[in-house]
Amino acid sequence: MDTPTFAGLLAVVPPVNLRIIELTAELTRPDGSLDLDAAAARQAEIEAACTQAQDYASTTGRLLEAMRWKLRPRR
């Protein structure tokens, strides 16, 4: 994997289909509150979804920093 290049950084960014978004919709009651009992029953699934979201944030963050560094004004 060639992560020093933009193509390499893009290649390691996980898919955008984040499970945490679907889970949030599934666990939200009609009044907008979180169904804590349902969430507790799906704790392992929620933890896996959180890990996926954190991985996504981390890899996109590295890409963002690389872009900022590359685009910074030069003197």
N, C-alpha and C. Protein backbone atom coordinates (compact mmCIF):
# COMPACT_ATOMS: atom_id res chain seq x y z
N MET A 1 0.84 -1.17 0.00
CA MET A 1 0.00 0.00 0.00
C MET A 1 0.88 1.24 0.00
N ASP A 2 0.60 2.17 -0.90
CA ASP A 2 1.42 3.36 -1.07
C ASP A 2 0.74 4.56 -0.43
N THR A 3 0.71 4.62 0.89
CA THR A 3 -0.01 5.70 1.57
C THR A 3 0.64 7.07 1.49
N PRO A 4 1.93 7.22 1.13
CA PRO A 4 2.46 8.57 1.01
C PRO A 4 1.85 9.37 -0.15
N THR A 5 1.20 8.71 -1.10
CA THR A 5 0.58 9.42 -2.22
C THR A 5 -0.91 9.61 -1.95
N PHE A 6 -1.51 10.58 -2.65
CA PHE A 6 -2.95 10.80 -2.49
C PHE A 6 -3.73 9.57 -2.94
N ALA A 7 -3.30 8.93 -4.00
CA ALA A 7 -3.99 7.71 -4.45
C ALA A 7 -3.91 6.63 -3.37
N GLY A 8 -2.77 6.52 -2.72
CA GLY A 8 -2.61 5.55 -1.64
C GLY A 8 -3.50 5.88 -0.45
N LEU A 9 -3.58 7.17 -0.12
CA LEU A 9 -4.44 7.58 0.98
C LEU A 9 -5.90 7.32 0.66
N LEU A 10 -6.31 7.62 -0.56
CA LEU A 10 -7.70 7.37 -0.97
C LEU A 10 -8.01 5.87 -0.96
N ALA A 11 -7.04 5.07 -1.32
CA ALA A 11 -7.26 3.62 -1.39
C ALA A 11 -7.55 3.00 -0.02
N VAL A 12 -7.06 3.62 1.05
CA VAL A 12 -7.29 3.05 2.38
C VAL A 12 -8.48 3.66 3.11
N VAL A 13 -9.19 4.60 2.47
CA VAL A 13 -10.39 5.16 3.09
C VAL A 13 -11.51 4.13 2.96
N PRO A 14 -12.11 3.74 4.08
CA PRO A 14 -13.17 2.73 4.02
C PRO A 14 -14.40 3.24 3.29
N PRO A 15 -15.29 2.34 2.89
CA PRO A 15 -16.52 2.76 2.22
C PRO A 15 -17.33 3.72 3.11
N VAL A 16 -18.11 4.57 2.48
CA VAL A 16 -18.85 5.58 3.21
C VAL A 16 -20.12 5.03 3.86
N ASN A 17 -20.53 3.82 3.53
CA ASN A 17 -21.73 3.22 4.11
C ASN A 17 -21.46 2.87 5.58
N LEU A 18 -21.63 3.85 6.45
CA LEU A 18 -21.34 3.66 7.87
C LEU A 18 -22.54 3.04 8.58
N ARG A 19 -22.32 1.93 9.23
CA ARG A 19 -23.38 1.21 9.93
C ARG A 19 -23.96 2.03 11.08
N ILE A 20 -23.16 2.91 11.67
CA ILE A 20 -23.63 3.70 12.81
C ILE A 20 -24.83 4.56 12.42
N ILE A 21 -24.88 5.01 11.18
CA ILE A 21 -25.99 5.84 10.72
C ILE A 21 -27.27 5.01 10.66
N GLU A 22 -27.17 3.82 10.11
CA GLU A 22 -28.33 2.93 10.04
C GLU A 22 -28.80 2.54 11.44
N LEU A 23 -27.86 2.20 12.32
CA LEU A 23 -28.20 1.82 13.69
C LEU A 23 -28.90 2.95 14.43
N THR A 24 -28.41 4.15 14.24
CA THR A 24 -29.03 5.29 14.90
C THR A 24 -30.48 5.43 14.47
N ALA A 25 -30.73 5.29 13.18
CA ALA A 25 -32.10 5.37 12.68
C ALA A 25 -32.96 4.24 13.25
N GLU A 26 -32.39 3.05 13.31
CA GLU A 26 -33.14 1.88 13.82
C GLU A 26 -33.44 1.99 15.31
N LEU A 27 -32.58 2.63 16.06
CA LEU A 27 -32.72 2.69 17.52
C LEU A 27 -33.37 3.97 18.02
N THR A 28 -33.77 4.85 17.10
CA THR A 28 -34.41 6.09 17.48
C THR A 28 -35.92 5.91 17.51
N ARG A 29 -36.51 6.32 18.62
CA ARG A 29 -37.96 6.23 18.79
C ARG A 29 -38.64 7.34 17.97
N PRO A 30 -39.93 7.23 17.73
CA PRO A 30 -40.66 8.27 16.99
C PRO A 30 -40.54 9.67 17.62
N ASP A 31 -40.36 9.73 18.95
CA ASP A 31 -40.23 11.04 19.60
C ASP A 31 -38.81 11.61 19.51
N GLY A 32 -37.89 10.86 18.86
CA GLY A 32 -36.52 11.34 18.68
C GLY A 32 -35.54 10.88 19.73
N SER A 33 -36.01 10.20 20.74
CA SER A 33 -35.10 9.71 21.79
C SER A 33 -34.53 8.35 21.40
N LEU A 34 -33.45 7.99 22.07
CA LEU A 34 -32.81 6.70 21.81
C LEU A 34 -33.48 5.61 22.64
N ASP A 35 -33.78 4.51 22.03
CA ASP A 35 -34.35 3.35 22.75
C ASP A 35 -33.19 2.63 23.44
N LEU A 36 -32.98 2.95 24.70
CA LEU A 36 -31.83 2.44 25.45
C LEU A 36 -31.89 0.93 25.64
N ASP A 37 -33.08 0.37 25.80
CA ASP A 37 -33.19 -1.08 25.95
C ASP A 37 -32.78 -1.79 24.67
N ALA A 38 -33.26 -1.29 23.54
CA ALA A 38 -32.89 -1.88 22.25
C ALA A 38 -31.40 -1.70 21.99
N ALA A 39 -30.86 -0.55 22.36
CA ALA A 39 -29.43 -0.29 22.18
C ALA A 39 -28.59 -1.24 23.03
N ALA A 40 -29.02 -1.47 24.26
CA ALA A 40 -28.29 -2.38 25.16
C ALA A 40 -28.26 -3.79 24.59
N ALA A 41 -29.36 -4.19 23.98
CA ALA A 41 -29.44 -5.54 23.40
C ALA A 41 -28.55 -5.69 22.17
N ARG A 42 -28.16 -4.57 21.59
CA ARG A 42 -27.34 -4.61 20.37
C ARG A 42 -25.96 -3.99 20.61
N GLN A 43 -25.49 -4.08 21.85
CA GLN A 43 -24.24 -3.43 22.23
C GLN A 43 -23.05 -3.83 21.37
N ALA A 44 -22.90 -5.11 21.09
CA ALA A 44 -21.76 -5.56 20.27
C ALA A 44 -21.82 -4.96 18.87
N GLU A 45 -23.00 -4.91 18.32
CA GLU A 45 -23.19 -4.34 16.98
C GLU A 45 -22.88 -2.83 16.99
N ILE A 46 -23.29 -2.16 18.05
CA ILE A 46 -23.02 -0.73 18.19
C ILE A 46 -21.52 -0.48 18.32
N GLU A 47 -20.84 -1.29 19.11
CA GLU A 47 -19.39 -1.12 19.27
C GLU A 47 -18.66 -1.34 17.95
N ALA A 48 -19.07 -2.33 17.19
CA ALA A 48 -18.45 -2.57 15.87
C ALA A 48 -18.71 -1.38 14.94
N ALA A 49 -19.91 -0.84 14.98
CA ALA A 49 -20.24 0.32 14.14
C ALA A 49 -19.44 1.55 14.56
N CYS A 50 -19.23 1.72 15.85
CA CYS A 50 -18.41 2.83 16.35
C CYS A 50 -16.96 2.69 15.90
N THR A 51 -16.44 1.49 15.94
CA THR A 51 -15.07 1.23 15.48
C THR A 51 -14.96 1.56 13.99
N GLN A 52 -15.94 1.14 13.22
CA GLN A 52 -15.94 1.44 11.78
C GLN A 52 -15.94 2.96 11.56
N ALA A 53 -16.77 3.68 12.30
CA ALA A 53 -16.84 5.14 12.15
C ALA A 53 -15.52 5.80 12.56
N GLN A 54 -14.89 5.30 13.63
CA GLN A 54 -13.61 5.85 14.06
C GLN A 54 -12.52 5.59 13.02
N ASP A 55 -12.52 4.40 12.44
CA ASP A 55 -11.56 4.09 11.38
C ASP A 55 -11.74 5.03 10.19
N TYR A 56 -12.99 5.27 9.83
CA TYR A 56 -13.29 6.16 8.72
C TYR A 56 -12.79 7.57 9.02
N ALA A 57 -13.08 8.05 10.23
CA ALA A 57 -12.65 9.39 10.62
C ALA A 57 -11.12 9.50 10.60
N SER A 58 -10.45 8.47 11.06
CA SER A 58 -8.99 8.48 11.10
C SER A 58 -8.39 8.52 9.69
N THR A 59 -8.87 7.67 8.81
CA THR A 59 -8.29 7.64 7.46
C THR A 59 -8.65 8.88 6.67
N THR A 60 -9.85 9.40 6.81
CA THR A 60 -10.19 10.63 6.10
C THR A 60 -9.45 11.82 6.71
N GLY A 61 -9.18 11.75 8.01
CA GLY A 61 -8.39 12.80 8.65
C GLY A 61 -6.97 12.86 8.11
N ARG A 62 -6.36 11.69 7.88
CA ARG A 62 -5.01 11.65 7.29
C ARG A 62 -5.04 12.24 5.89
N LEU A 63 -6.06 11.92 5.13
CA LEU A 63 -6.19 12.46 3.78
C LEU A 63 -6.36 13.98 3.83
N LEU A 64 -7.19 14.45 4.74
CA LEU A 64 -7.41 15.88 4.90
C LEU A 64 -6.11 16.61 5.24
N GLU A 65 -5.36 16.07 6.18
CA GLU A 65 -4.09 16.69 6.56
C GLU A 65 -3.10 16.70 5.40
N ALA A 66 -3.07 15.64 4.63
CA ALA A 66 -2.18 15.60 3.46
C ALA A 66 -2.58 16.66 2.45
N MET A 67 -3.88 16.82 2.23
CA MET A 67 -4.36 17.84 1.29
C MET A 67 -4.01 19.24 1.80
N ARG A 68 -4.22 19.47 3.09
CA ARG A 68 -3.89 20.79 3.66
C ARG A 68 -2.40 21.08 3.53
N TRP A 69 -1.58 20.06 3.80
CA TRP A 69 -0.14 20.25 3.70
C TRP A 69 0.26 20.56 2.27
N LYS A 70 -0.30 19.82 1.33
CA LYS A 70 0.04 20.00 -0.08
C LYS A 70 -0.43 21.37 -0.59
N LEU A 71 -1.55 21.83 -0.10
CA LEU A 71 -2.14 23.09 -0.59
C LEU A 71 -1.72 24.31 0.21
N ARG A 72 -0.90 24.13 1.23
CA ARG A 72 -0.51 25.28 2.05
C ARG A 72 0.32 26.26 1.22
N PRO A 73 0.20 27.55 1.53
CA PRO A 73 0.97 28.56 0.80
C PRO A 73 2.47 28.34 1.01
N ARG A 74 3.21 28.46 -0.04
CA ARG A 74 4.68 28.34 0.01
C ARG A 74 5.29 29.72 -0.04
N ARG A 75 6.38 29.91 0.67
CA ARG A 75 7.06 31.22 0.64
C ARG A 75 8.26 31.15 -0.24
